[in-house]
Every structure is written in C-alpha cells, then in structure tokens.
Amino acid sequence: MLSDLGFFRPEGNVSDAPVQMHSSPEFVHTCDTQLHEIIDAIAAAVAFAQAGSNWLRAQPPDLEEVRQALNSISEAGKRASEIVVRLRALTDEGARGGFAGKGAPEELAV
C-alpha cells in the first residue's frame, strides 16, 4: 500500500495550524479544476499499472505492452507533479491575497 511506503501522511500528522486561504470564486474554481486534473492523472497511472501487471501475467508476457504502460505511468506521474506545482503556486499567491478582485493568473489558469 502506498501509505506504507510513506507516500501519504495520515490525517493526524497534518499541521493543525490554521491556514488562511483566499476564497474568491475564481480562486476556488481554479483550485477545483487543478484537483480534478490531479485525480485524473493518478487514476490513469493506476489503470496503466493494472494493465502492465496483466500483460506480465500473460503467457508469454507482452513486454512491449508493459514498456508502454510503464512509460504512460511515468508521464501520468509527471503530469500530476506539474499540476501540484501549479496548485502550490496558486495557493501561495492566494494566501498572500494576490487574487483579490482578479481571476487566476494566465500561467496558472487551466
């Protein structure tokens, strides 16, 4: 399980310090869109991993399909990390109040 490998922190370990977030409709919409993209990228990686596992079990194993699945997993992981970077920049900017009365900056918009 991924949580056993240290990829996810249990909820109790998350800082309890209050965090002030910007809540303009544009900011919330952009964050929501980014989160949906992250979920899509993670779901794609899981689907490719399951497919690769199935191709390895085939007799004989289809190593070319496995290679393609591993490449797709890598691409989905890169996509998810890029989205996290954009979301982190967005929340940092929002926490400083940079979106007051404005939409999301062009480079952060989806």
PDB file of N, CA and C in Angstrom:
ATOM      1  N   MET A   1       0.845  -1.180   0.000  1.00  0.00           N
ATOM      2  CA  MET A   1       0.000   0.000   0.000  1.00  0.00           C
ATOM      3  C   MET A   1       0.890   1.243   0.000  1.00  0.00           C
ATOM      4  N   LEU A   2       0.481   2.275  -0.743  1.00  0.00           N
ATOM      5  CA  LEU A   2       1.297   3.483  -0.870  1.00  0.00           C
ATOM      6  C   LEU A   2       1.524   4.171   0.465  1.00  0.00           C
ATOM      7  N   SER A   3       0.521   4.140   1.362  1.00  0.00           N
ATOM      8  CA  SER A   3       0.698   4.805   2.648  1.00  0.00           C
ATOM      9  C   SER A   3       1.787   4.118   3.468  1.00  0.00           C
ATOM     10  N   ASP A   4       1.981   2.814   3.279  1.00  0.00           N
ATOM     11  CA  ASP A   4       3.039   2.088   3.980  1.00  0.00           C
ATOM     12  C   ASP A   4       4.418   2.510   3.501  1.00  0.00           C
ATOM     13  N   LEU A   5       4.521   2.999   2.276  1.00  0.00           N
ATOM     14  CA  LEU A   5       5.797   3.429   1.722  1.00  0.00           C
ATOM     15  C   LEU A   5       6.118   4.879   2.045  1.00  0.00           C
ATOM     16  N   GLY A   6       5.230   5.548   2.762  1.00  0.00           N
ATOM     17  CA  GLY A   6       5.471   6.928   3.147  1.00  0.00           C
ATOM     18  C   GLY A   6       5.042   7.952   2.117  1.00  0.00           C
ATOM     19  N   PHE A   7       4.260   7.537   1.109  1.00  0.00           N
ATOM     20  CA  PHE A   7       3.813   8.483   0.096  1.00  0.00           C
ATOM     21  C   PHE A   7       2.702   9.390   0.622  1.00  0.00           C
ATOM     22  N   PHE A   8       1.919   8.890   1.569  1.00  0.00           N
ATOM     23  CA  PHE A   8       0.814   9.662   2.111  1.00  0.00           C
ATOM     24  C   PHE A   8       0.971   9.772   3.615  1.00  0.00           C
ATOM     25  N   ARG A   9       0.649  10.938   4.146  1.00  0.00           N
ATOM     26  CA  ARG A   9       0.697  11.132   5.587  1.00  0.00           C
ATOM     27  C   ARG A   9      -0.677  10.848   6.168  1.00  0.00           C
ATOM     28  N   PRO A  10      -0.749  10.180   7.324  1.00  0.00           N
ATOM     29  CA  PRO A  10      -2.047  10.024   7.973  1.00  0.00           C
ATOM     30  C   PRO A  10      -2.601  11.398   8.328  1.00  0.00           C
ATOM     31  N   GLU A  11      -3.911  11.528   8.356  1.00  0.00           N
ATOM     32  CA  GLU A  11      -4.522  12.831   8.596  1.00  0.00           C
ATOM     33  C   GLU A  11      -4.064  13.459   9.895  1.00  0.00           C
ATOM     34  N   GLY A  12      -3.768  12.669  10.900  1.00  0.00           N
ATOM     35  CA  GLY A  12      -3.350  13.204  12.186  1.00  0.00           C
ATOM     36  C   GLY A  12      -2.010  13.912  12.141  1.00  0.00           C
ATOM     37  N   ASN A  13      -1.190  13.663  11.130  1.00  0.00           N
ATOM     38  CA  ASN A  13       0.128  14.282  11.049  1.00  0.00           C
ATOM     39  C   ASN A  13       0.125  15.626  10.341  1.00  0.00           C
ATOM     40  N   VAL A  14      -0.989  15.996   9.758  1.00  0.00           N
ATOM     41  CA  VAL A  14      -1.071  17.261   9.051  1.00  0.00           C
ATOM     42  C   VAL A  14      -1.104  18.379  10.088  1.00  0.00           C
ATOM     43  N   SER A  15      -0.394  19.447   9.816  1.00  0.00           N
ATOM     44  CA  SER A  15      -0.331  20.559  10.758  1.00  0.00           C
ATOM     45  C   SER A  15      -1.730  21.039  11.109  1.00  0.00           C
ATOM     46  N   ASP A  16      -1.946  21.283  12.409  1.00  0.00           N
ATOM     47  CA  ASP A  16      -3.234  21.789  12.868  1.00  0.00           C
ATOM     48  C   ASP A  16      -3.278  23.312  12.870  1.00  0.00           C
ATOM     49  N   ALA A  17      -2.183  23.949  12.452  1.00  0.00           N
ATOM     50  CA  ALA A  17      -2.139  25.405  12.423  1.00  0.00           C
ATOM     51  C   ALA A  17      -3.157  25.919  11.415  1.00  0.00           C
ATOM     52  N   PRO A  18      -3.908  26.956  11.792  1.00  0.00           N
ATOM     53  CA  PRO A  18      -4.889  27.482  10.843  1.00  0.00           C
ATOM     54  C   PRO A  18      -4.212  28.098   9.631  1.00  0.00           C
ATOM     55  N   VAL A  19      -4.783  27.839   8.473  1.00  0.00           N
ATOM     56  CA  VAL A  19      -4.256  28.376   7.223  1.00  0.00           C
ATOM     57  C   VAL A  19      -5.341  29.238   6.613  1.00  0.00           C
ATOM     58  N   GLN A  20      -5.011  30.483   6.328  1.00  0.00           N
ATOM     59  CA  GLN A  20      -5.983  31.368   5.695  1.00  0.00           C
ATOM     60  C   GLN A  20      -5.855  31.216   4.185  1.00  0.00           C
ATOM     61  N   MET A  21      -6.953  30.874   3.562  1.00  0.00           N
ATOM     62  CA  MET A  21      -6.957  30.683   2.117  1.00  0.00           C
ATOM     63  C   MET A  21      -7.864  31.727   1.487  1.00  0.00           C
ATOM     64  N   HIS A  22      -7.531  32.089   0.280  1.00  0.00           N
ATOM     65  CA  HIS A  22      -8.335  33.023  -0.474  1.00  0.00           C
ATOM     66  C   HIS A  22      -9.558  32.278  -0.994  1.00  0.00           C
ATOM     67  N   SER A  23     -10.711  32.892  -0.945  1.00  0.00           N
ATOM     68  CA  SER A  23     -11.928  32.160  -1.318  1.00  0.00           C
ATOM     69  C   SER A  23     -12.741  32.844  -2.415  1.00  0.00           C
ATOM     70  N   SER A  24     -12.097  33.630  -3.260  1.00  0.00           N
ATOM     71  CA  SER A  24     -12.842  34.218  -4.367  1.00  0.00           C
ATOM     72  C   SER A  24     -13.333  33.094  -5.273  1.00  0.00           C
ATOM     73  N   PRO A  25     -14.441  33.308  -5.968  1.00  0.00           N
ATOM     74  CA  PRO A  25     -14.959  32.257  -6.858  1.00  0.00           C
ATOM     75  C   PRO A  25     -13.943  31.809  -7.907  1.00  0.00           C
ATOM     76  N   GLU A  26     -13.165  32.740  -8.446  1.00  0.00           N
ATOM     77  CA  GLU A  26     -12.169  32.388  -9.454  1.00  0.00           C
ATOM     78  C   GLU A  26     -11.083  31.489  -8.866  1.00  0.00           C
ATOM     79  N   PHE A  27     -10.633  31.834  -7.664  1.00  0.00           N
ATOM     80  CA  PHE A  27      -9.599  31.067  -6.982  1.00  0.00           C
ATOM     81  C   PHE A  27     -10.093  29.656  -6.683  1.00  0.00           C
ATOM     82  N   VAL A  28     -11.298  29.561  -6.124  1.00  0.00           N
ATOM     83  CA  VAL A  28     -11.868  28.261  -5.774  1.00  0.00           C
ATOM     84  C   VAL A  28     -12.071  27.417  -7.028  1.00  0.00           C
ATOM     85  N   HIS A  29     -12.568  28.024  -8.099  1.00  0.00           N
ATOM     86  CA  HIS A  29     -12.786  27.286  -9.348  1.00  0.00           C
ATOM     87  C   HIS A  29     -11.459  26.753  -9.900  1.00  0.00           C
ATOM     88  N   THR A  30     -10.426  27.590  -9.883  1.00  0.00           N
ATOM     89  CA  THR A  30      -9.123  27.167 -10.407  1.00  0.00           C
ATOM     90  C   THR A  30      -8.550  26.029  -9.567  1.00  0.00           C
ATOM     91  N   CYS A  31      -8.650  26.137  -8.252  1.00  0.00           N
ATOM     92  CA  CYS A  31      -8.170  25.047  -7.383  1.00  0.00           C
ATOM     93  C   CYS A  31      -8.935  23.757  -7.650  1.00  0.00           C
ATOM     94  N   ASP A  32     -10.250  23.868  -7.766  1.00  0.00           N
ATOM     95  CA  ASP A  32     -11.070  22.693  -8.016  1.00  0.00           C
ATOM     96  C   ASP A  32     -10.697  22.026  -9.334  1.00  0.00           C
ATOM     97  N   THR A  33     -10.469  22.824 -10.359  1.00  0.00           N
ATOM     98  CA  THR A  33     -10.078  22.296 -11.664  1.00  0.00           C
ATOM     99  C   THR A  33      -8.734  21.579 -11.574  1.00  0.00           C
ATOM    100  N   GLN A  34      -7.784  22.177 -10.854  1.00  0.00           N
ATOM    101  CA  GLN A  34      -6.465  21.568 -10.695  1.00  0.00           C
ATOM    102  C   GLN A  34      -6.576  20.232  -9.958  1.00  0.00           C
ATOM    103  N   LEU A  35      -7.410  20.185  -8.921  1.00  0.00           N
ATOM    104  CA  LEU A  35      -7.580  18.941  -8.166  1.00  0.00           C
ATOM    105  C   LEU A  35      -8.185  17.839  -9.038  1.00  0.00           C
ATOM    106  N   HIS A  36      -9.124  18.184  -9.885  1.00  0.00           N
ATOM    107  CA  HIS A  36      -9.694  17.187 -10.801  1.00  0.00           C
ATOM    108  C   HIS A  36      -8.617  16.651 -11.752  1.00  0.00           C
ATOM    109  N   GLU A  37      -7.734  17.526 -12.213  1.00  0.00           N
ATOM    110  CA  GLU A  37      -6.649  17.082 -13.093  1.00  0.00           C
ATOM    111  C   GLU A  37      -5.703  16.126 -12.365  1.00  0.00           C
ATOM    112  N   ILE A  38      -5.422  16.404 -11.102  1.00  0.00           N
ATOM    113  CA  ILE A  38      -4.551  15.516 -10.319  1.00  0.00           C
ATOM    114  C   ILE A  38      -5.197  14.142 -10.188  1.00  0.00           C
ATOM    115  N   ILE A  39      -6.476  14.130  -9.859  1.00  0.00           N
ATOM    116  CA  ILE A  39      -7.191  12.857  -9.716  1.00  0.00           C
ATOM    117  C   ILE A  39      -7.165  12.080 -11.029  1.00  0.00           C
ATOM    118  N   ASP A  40      -7.379  12.769 -12.145  1.00  0.00           N
ATOM    119  CA  ASP A  40      -7.336  12.104 -13.454  1.00  0.00           C
ATOM    120  C   ASP A  40      -5.967  11.492 -13.726  1.00  0.00           C
ATOM    121  N   ALA A  41      -4.894  12.241 -13.413  1.00  0.00           N
ATOM    122  CA  ALA A  41      -3.540  11.735 -13.657  1.00  0.00           C
ATOM    123  C   ALA A  41      -3.241  10.523 -12.780  1.00  0.00           C
ATOM    124  N   ILE A  42      -3.663  10.565 -11.530  1.00  0.00           N
ATOM    125  CA  ILE A  42      -3.434   9.426 -10.627  1.00  0.00           C
ATOM    126  C   ILE A  42      -4.244   8.214 -11.080  1.00  0.00           C
ATOM    127  N   ALA A  43      -5.495   8.431 -11.468  1.00  0.00           N
ATOM    128  CA  ALA A  43      -6.331   7.320 -11.950  1.00  0.00           C
ATOM    129  C   ALA A  43      -5.723   6.686 -13.196  1.00  0.00           C
ATOM    130  N   ALA A  44      -5.174   7.523 -14.080  1.00  0.00           N
ATOM    131  CA  ALA A  44      -4.534   6.987 -15.286  1.00  0.00           C
ATOM    132  C   ALA A  44      -3.326   6.137 -14.918  1.00  0.00           C
ATOM    133  N   ALA A  45      -2.514   6.597 -13.976  1.00  0.00           N
ATOM    134  CA  ALA A  45      -1.336   5.828 -13.561  1.00  0.00           C
ATOM    135  C   ALA A  45      -1.752   4.478 -12.983  1.00  0.00           C
ATOM    136  N   VAL A  46      -2.797   4.465 -12.171  1.00  0.00           N
ATOM    137  CA  VAL A  46      -3.280   3.205 -11.586  1.00  0.00           C
ATOM    138  C   VAL A  46      -3.779   2.262 -12.683  1.00  0.00           C
ATOM    139  N   ALA A  47      -4.532   2.788 -13.637  1.00  0.00           N
ATOM    140  CA  ALA A  47      -5.039   1.948 -14.733  1.00  0.00           C
ATOM    141  C   ALA A  47      -3.894   1.362 -15.554  1.00  0.00           C
ATOM    142  N   PHE A  48      -2.884   2.173 -15.862  1.00  0.00           N
ATOM    143  CA  PHE A  48      -1.734   1.675 -16.621  1.00  0.00           C
ATOM    144  C   PHE A  48      -0.958   0.622 -15.821  1.00  0.00           C
ATOM    145  N   ALA A  49      -0.837   0.818 -14.518  1.00  0.00           N
ATOM    146  CA  ALA A  49      -0.141  -0.164 -13.678  1.00  0.00           C
ATOM    147  C   ALA A  49      -0.887  -1.496 -13.677  1.00  0.00           C
ATOM    148  N   GLN A  50      -2.208  -1.439 -13.570  1.00  0.00           N
ATOM    149  CA  GLN A  50      -3.003  -2.668 -13.595  1.00  0.00           C
ATOM    150  C   GLN A  50      -2.875  -3.365 -14.946  1.00  0.00           C
ATOM    151  N   ALA A  51      -2.895  -2.596 -16.028  1.00  0.00           N
ATOM    152  CA  ALA A  51      -2.751  -3.183 -17.361  1.00  0.00           C
ATOM    153  C   ALA A  51      -1.372  -3.816 -17.517  1.00  0.00           C
ATOM    154  N   GLY A  52      -0.332  -3.131 -17.074  1.00  0.00           N
ATOM    155  CA  GLY A  52       1.021  -3.675 -17.154  1.00  0.00           C
ATOM    156  C   GLY A  52       1.151  -4.974 -16.380  1.00  0.00           C
ATOM    157  N   SER A  53       0.535  -5.006 -15.204  1.00  0.00           N
ATOM    158  CA  SER A  53       0.554  -6.228 -14.401  1.00  0.00           C
ATOM    159  C   SER A  53      -0.131  -7.378 -15.142  1.00  0.00           C
ATOM    160  N   ASN A  54      -1.245  -7.083 -15.792  1.00  0.00           N
ATOM    161  CA  ASN A  54      -1.944  -8.116 -16.575  1.00  0.00           C
ATOM    162  C   ASN A  54      -1.079  -8.608 -17.733  1.00  0.00           C
ATOM    163  N   TRP A  55      -0.384  -7.691 -18.426  1.00  0.00           N
ATOM    164  CA  TRP A  55       0.457  -8.085 -19.552  1.00  0.00           C
ATOM    165  C   TRP A  55       1.651  -8.913 -19.103  1.00  0.00           C
ATOM    166  N   LEU A  56       2.125  -8.680 -17.889  1.00  0.00           N
ATOM    167  CA  LEU A  56       3.221  -9.506 -17.365  1.00  0.00           C
ATOM    168  C   LEU A  56       2.746 -10.926 -17.057  1.00  0.00           C
ATOM    169  N   ARG A  57       1.475 -11.070 -16.669  1.00  0.00           N
ATOM    170  CA  ARG A  57       0.933 -12.401 -16.355  1.00  0.00           C
ATOM    171  C   ARG A  57       0.619 -13.213 -17.606  1.00  0.00           C
ATOM    172  N   ALA A  58       0.531 -12.570 -18.752  1.00  0.00           N
ATOM    173  CA  ALA A  58       0.206 -13.278 -19.999  1.00  0.00           C
ATOM    174  C   ALA A  58       1.308 -14.292 -20.317  1.00  0.00           C
ATOM    175  N   GLN A  59       0.941 -15.328 -21.045  1.00  0.00           N
ATOM    176  CA  GLN A  59       1.914 -16.340 -21.456  1.00  0.00           C
ATOM    177  C   GLN A  59       2.023 -16.350 -22.968  1.00  0.00           C
ATOM    178  N   PRO A  60       3.087 -15.921 -23.564  1.00  0.00           N
ATOM    179  CA  PRO A  60       4.257 -15.293 -22.946  1.00  0.00           C
ATOM    180  C   PRO A  60       3.942 -13.831 -22.592  1.00  0.00           C
ATOM    181  N   PRO A  61       4.683 -13.266 -21.631  1.00  0.00           N
ATOM    182  CA  PRO A  61       4.441 -11.862 -21.249  1.00  0.00           C
ATOM    183  C   PRO A  61       4.654 -10.934 -22.440  1.00  0.00           C
ATOM    184  N   ASP A  62       3.798  -9.934 -22.550  1.00  0.00           N
ATOM    185  CA  ASP A  62       3.907  -8.959 -23.640  1.00  0.00           C
ATOM    186  C   ASP A  62       4.749  -7.788 -23.123  1.00  0.00           C
ATOM    187  N   LEU A  63       6.049  -7.916 -23.258  1.00  0.00           N
ATOM    188  CA  LEU A  63       6.968  -6.935 -22.688  1.00  0.00           C
ATOM    189  C   LEU A  63       6.874  -5.569 -23.364  1.00  0.00           C
ATOM    190  N   GLU A  64       6.526  -5.516 -24.641  1.00  0.00           N
ATOM    191  CA  GLU A  64       6.363  -4.222 -25.302  1.00  0.00           C
ATOM    192  C   GLU A  64       5.176  -3.464 -24.713  1.00  0.00           C
ATOM    193  N   GLU A  65       4.076  -4.162 -24.446  1.00  0.00           N
ATOM    194  CA  GLU A  65       2.918  -3.517 -23.819  1.00  0.00           C
ATOM    195  C   GLU A  65       3.264  -3.061 -22.404  1.00  0.00           C
ATOM    196  N   VAL A  66       4.037  -3.859 -21.683  1.00  0.00           N
ATOM    197  CA  VAL A  66       4.468  -3.476 -20.332  1.00  0.00           C
ATOM    198  C   VAL A  66       5.332  -2.221 -20.401  1.00  0.00           C
ATOM    199  N   ARG A  67       6.253  -2.170 -21.366  1.00  0.00           N
ATOM    200  CA  ARG A  67       7.109  -0.992 -21.521  1.00  0.00           C
ATOM    201  C   ARG A  67       6.266   0.247 -21.788  1.00  0.00           C
ATOM    202  N   GLN A  68       5.272   0.119 -22.662  1.00  0.00           N
ATOM    203  CA  GLN A  68       4.390   1.247 -22.956  1.00  0.00           C
ATOM    204  C   GLN A  68       3.589   1.669 -21.725  1.00  0.00           C
ATOM    205  N   ALA A  69       3.139   0.685 -20.938  1.00  0.00           N
ATOM    206  CA  ALA A  69       2.396   1.005 -19.711  1.00  0.00           C
ATOM    207  C   ALA A  69       3.291   1.742 -18.715  1.00  0.00           C
ATOM    208  N   LEU A  70       4.542   1.303 -18.592  1.00  0.00           N
ATOM    209  CA  LEU A  70       5.462   1.982 -17.675  1.00  0.00           C
ATOM    210  C   LEU A  70       5.752   3.405 -18.131  1.00  0.00           C
ATOM    211  N   ASN A  71       5.903   3.605 -19.430  1.00  0.00           N
ATOM    212  CA  ASN A  71       6.089   4.969 -19.954  1.00  0.00           C
ATOM    213  C   ASN A  71       4.863   5.834 -19.661  1.00  0.00           C
ATOM    214  N   SER A  72       3.686   5.262 -19.805  1.00  0.00           N
ATOM    215  CA  SER A  72       2.455   6.008 -19.539  1.00  0.00           C
ATOM    216  C   SER A  72       2.330   6.353 -18.049  1.00  0.00           C
ATOM    217  N   ILE A  73       2.744   5.441 -17.193  1.00  0.00           N
ATOM    218  CA  ILE A  73       2.733   5.705 -15.750  1.00  0.00           C
ATOM    219  C   ILE A  73       3.670   6.868 -15.437  1.00  0.00           C
ATOM    220  N   SER A  74       4.844   6.849 -16.050  1.00  0.00           N
ATOM    221  CA  SER A  74       5.812   7.924 -15.845  1.00  0.00           C
ATOM    222  C   SER A  74       5.245   9.266 -16.294  1.00  0.00           C
ATOM    223  N   GLU A  75       4.611   9.288 -17.465  1.00  0.00           N
ATOM    224  CA  GLU A  75       4.014  10.526 -17.978  1.00  0.00           C
ATOM    225  C   GLU A  75       2.887  11.017 -17.068  1.00  0.00           C
ATOM    226  N   ALA A  76       2.049  10.101 -16.589  1.00  0.00           N
ATOM    227  CA  ALA A  76       0.955  10.495 -15.689  1.00  0.00           C
ATOM    228  C   ALA A  76       1.513  11.050 -14.378  1.00  0.00           C
ATOM    229  N   GLY A  77       2.589  10.462 -13.886  1.00  0.00           N
ATOM    230  CA  GLY A  77       3.228  10.971 -12.665  1.00  0.00           C
ATOM    231  C   GLY A  77       3.800  12.360 -12.866  1.00  0.00           C
ATOM    232  N   LYS A  78       4.447  12.576 -14.014  1.00  0.00           N
ATOM    233  CA  LYS A  78       4.985  13.904 -14.321  1.00  0.00           C
ATOM    234  C   LYS A  78       3.857  14.921 -14.416  1.00  0.00           C
ATOM    235  N   ARG A  79       2.765  14.525 -15.076  1.00  0.00           N
ATOM    236  CA  ARG A  79       1.616  15.421 -15.219  1.00  0.00           C
ATOM    237  C   ARG A  79       1.056  15.793 -13.850  1.00  0.00           C
ATOM    238  N   ALA A  80       0.915  14.813 -12.968  1.00  0.00           N
ATOM    239  CA  ALA A  80       0.387  15.083 -11.631  1.00  0.00           C
ATOM    240  C   ALA A  80       1.318  16.010 -10.858  1.00  0.00           C
ATOM    241  N   SER A  81       2.633  15.792 -10.966  1.00  0.00           N
ATOM    242  CA  SER A  81       3.566  16.650 -10.225  1.00  0.00           C
ATOM    243  C   SER A  81       3.548  18.080 -10.755  1.00  0.00           C
ATOM    244  N   GLU A  82       3.390  18.253 -12.074  1.00  0.00           N
ATOM    245  CA  GLU A  82       3.292  19.605 -12.643  1.00  0.00           C
ATOM    246  C   GLU A  82       2.039  20.317 -12.141  1.00  0.00           C
ATOM    247  N   ILE A  83       0.961  19.572 -12.016  1.00  0.00           N
ATOM    248  CA  ILE A  83      -0.288  20.154 -11.516  1.00  0.00           C
ATOM    249  C   ILE A  83      -0.117  20.565 -10.058  1.00  0.00           C
ATOM    250  N   VAL A  84       0.549  19.729  -9.267  1.00  0.00           N
ATOM    251  CA  VAL A  84       0.781  20.060  -7.861  1.00  0.00           C
ATOM    252  C   VAL A  84       1.618  21.332  -7.748  1.00  0.00           C
ATOM    253  N   VAL A  85       2.626  21.470  -8.594  1.00  0.00           N
ATOM    254  CA  VAL A  85       3.457  22.689  -8.585  1.00  0.00           C
ATOM    255  C   VAL A  85       2.593  23.904  -8.898  1.00  0.00           C
ATOM    256  N   ARG A  86       1.728  23.802  -9.920  1.00  0.00           N
ATOM    257  CA  ARG A  86       0.841  24.923 -10.260  1.00  0.00           C
ATOM    258  C   ARG A  86      -0.113  25.239  -9.119  1.00  0.00           C
ATOM    259  N   LEU A  87      -0.661  24.199  -8.495  1.00  0.00           N
ATOM    260  CA  LEU A  87      -1.600  24.392  -7.400  1.00  0.00           C
ATOM    261  C   LEU A  87      -0.905  25.012  -6.194  1.00  0.00           C
ATOM    262  N   ARG A  88       0.307  24.560  -5.921  1.00  0.00           N
ATOM    263  CA  ARG A  88       1.074  25.136  -4.812  1.00  0.00           C
ATOM    264  C   ARG A  88       1.332  26.624  -5.060  1.00  0.00           C
ATOM    265  N   ALA A  89       1.706  26.981  -6.283  1.00  0.00           N
ATOM    266  CA  ALA A  89       1.930  28.388  -6.623  1.00  0.00           C
ATOM    267  C   ALA A  89       0.631  29.176  -6.476  1.00  0.00           C
ATOM    268  N   LEU A  90      -0.458  28.573  -6.889  1.00  0.00           N
ATOM    269  CA  LEU A  90      -1.754  29.227  -6.795  1.00  0.00           C
ATOM    270  C   LEU A  90      -2.137  29.474  -5.334  1.00  0.00           C
ATOM    271  N   THR A  91      -1.975  28.471  -4.486  1.00  0.00           N
ATOM    272  CA  THR A  91      -2.346  28.641  -3.086  1.00  0.00           C
ATOM    273  C   THR A  91      -1.401  29.595  -2.374  1.00  0.00           C
ATOM    274  N   ASP A  92      -0.115  29.596  -2.734  1.00  0.00           N
ATOM    275  CA  ASP A  92       0.819  30.560  -2.148  1.00  0.00           C
ATOM    276  C   ASP A  92       0.408  31.977  -2.507  1.00  0.00           C
ATOM    277  N   GLU A  93       0.066  32.197  -3.771  1.00  0.00           N
ATOM    278  CA  GLU A  93      -0.365  33.516  -4.226  1.00  0.00           C
ATOM    279  C   GLU A  93      -1.672  33.905  -3.551  1.00  0.00           C
ATOM    280  N   GLY A  94      -2.605  32.956  -3.450  1.00  0.00           N
ATOM    281  CA  GLY A  94      -3.894  33.236  -2.812  1.00  0.00           C
ATOM    282  C   GLY A  94      -3.759  33.543  -1.339  1.00  0.00           C
ATOM    283  N   ALA A  95      -2.848  32.849  -0.644  1.00  0.00           N
ATOM    284  CA  ALA A  95      -2.631  33.092   0.781  1.00  0.00           C
ATOM    285  C   ALA A  95      -2.074  34.492   1.022  1.00  0.00           C
ATOM    286  N   ARG A  96      -1.354  35.030   0.042  1.00  0.00           N
ATOM    287  CA  ARG A  96      -0.816  36.393   0.168  1.00  0.00           C
ATOM    288  C   ARG A  96      -1.832  37.430  -0.275  1.00  0.00           C
ATOM    289  N   GLY A  97      -3.017  36.966  -0.700  1.00  0.00           N
ATOM    290  CA  GLY A  97      -4.060  37.898  -1.118  1.00  0.00           C
ATOM    291  C   GLY A  97      -3.881  38.422  -2.522  1.00  0.00           C
ATOM    292  N   GLY A  98      -3.103  37.738  -3.329  1.00  0.00           N
ATOM    293  CA  GLY A  98      -2.803  38.218  -4.667  1.00  0.00           C
ATOM    294  C   GLY A  98      -3.936  38.119  -5.655  1.00  0.00           C
ATOM    295  N   PHE A  99      -5.050  37.470  -5.295  1.00  0.00           N
ATOM    296  CA  PHE A  99      -6.147  37.318  -6.233  1.00  0.00           C
ATOM    297  C   PHE A  99      -7.337  38.198  -5.891  1.00  0.00           C
ATOM    298  N   ALA A 100      -7.177  39.108  -4.977  1.00  0.00           N
ATOM    299  CA  ALA A 100      -8.293  39.948  -4.564  1.00  0.00           C
ATOM    300  C   ALA A 100      -8.866  40.684  -5.772  1.00  0.00           C
ATOM    301  N   GLY A 101     -10.090  40.336  -6.113  1.00  0.00           N
ATOM    302  CA  GLY A 101     -10.775  41.020  -7.201  1.00  0.00           C
ATOM    303  C   GLY A 101     -10.276  40.658  -8.583  1.00  0.00           C
ATOM    304  N   LYS A 102      -9.419  39.655  -8.703  1.00  0.00           N
ATOM    305  CA  LYS A 102      -8.871  39.270 -10.003  1.00  0.00           C
ATOM    306  C   LYS A 102      -9.122  37.790 -10.226  1.00  0.00           C
ATOM    307  N   GLY A 103      -8.999  37.363 -11.456  1.00  0.00           N
ATOM    308  CA  GLY A 103      -9.039  35.943 -11.785  1.00  0.00           C
ATOM    309  C   GLY A 103      -7.666  35.351 -11.590  1.00  0.00           C
ATOM    310  N   ALA A 104      -7.528  34.076 -11.871  1.00  0.00           N
ATOM    311  CA  ALA A 104      -6.241  33.405 -11.740  1.00  0.00           C
ATOM    312  C   ALA A 104      -5.278  33.949 -12.784  1.00  0.00           C
ATOM    313  N   PRO A 105      -3.998  34.049 -12.449  1.00  0.00           N
ATOM    314  CA  PRO A 105      -3.022  34.499 -13.434  1.00  0.00           C
ATOM    315  C   PRO A 105      -2.988  33.567 -14.642  1.00  0.00           C
ATOM    316  N   GLU A 106      -2.609  34.077 -15.768  1.00  0.00           N
ATOM    317  CA  GLU A 106      -2.600  33.320 -17.012  1.00  0.00           C
ATOM    318  C   GLU A 106      -1.776  32.032 -16.894  1.00  0.00           C
ATOM    319  N   GLU A 107      -0.591  32.106 -16.251  1.00  0.00           N
ATOM    320  CA  GLU A 107       0.262  30.926 -16.203  1.00  0.00           C
ATOM    321  C   GLU A 107      -0.278  29.846 -15.287  1.00  0.00           C
ATOM    322  N   LEU A 108      -1.237  30.173 -14.423  1.00  0.00           N
ATOM    323  CA  LEU A 108      -1.814  29.176 -13.534  1.00  0.00           C
ATOM    324  C   LEU A 108      -3.167  28.684 -14.025  1.00  0.00           C
ATOM    325  N   ALA A 109      -3.752  29.396 -14.926  1.00  0.00           N
ATOM    326  CA  ALA A 109      -5.073  29.021 -15.415  1.00  0.00           C
ATOM    327  C   ALA A 109      -4.997  27.721 -16.206  1.00  0.00           C
ATOM    328  N   VAL A 110      -6.050  26.967 -16.120  1.00  0.00           N
ATOM    329  CA  VAL A 110      -6.092  25.672 -16.799  1.00  0.00           C
ATOM    330  C   VAL A 110      -6.611  25.842 -18.198  1.00  0.00           C
TER     331      VAL A 110
END
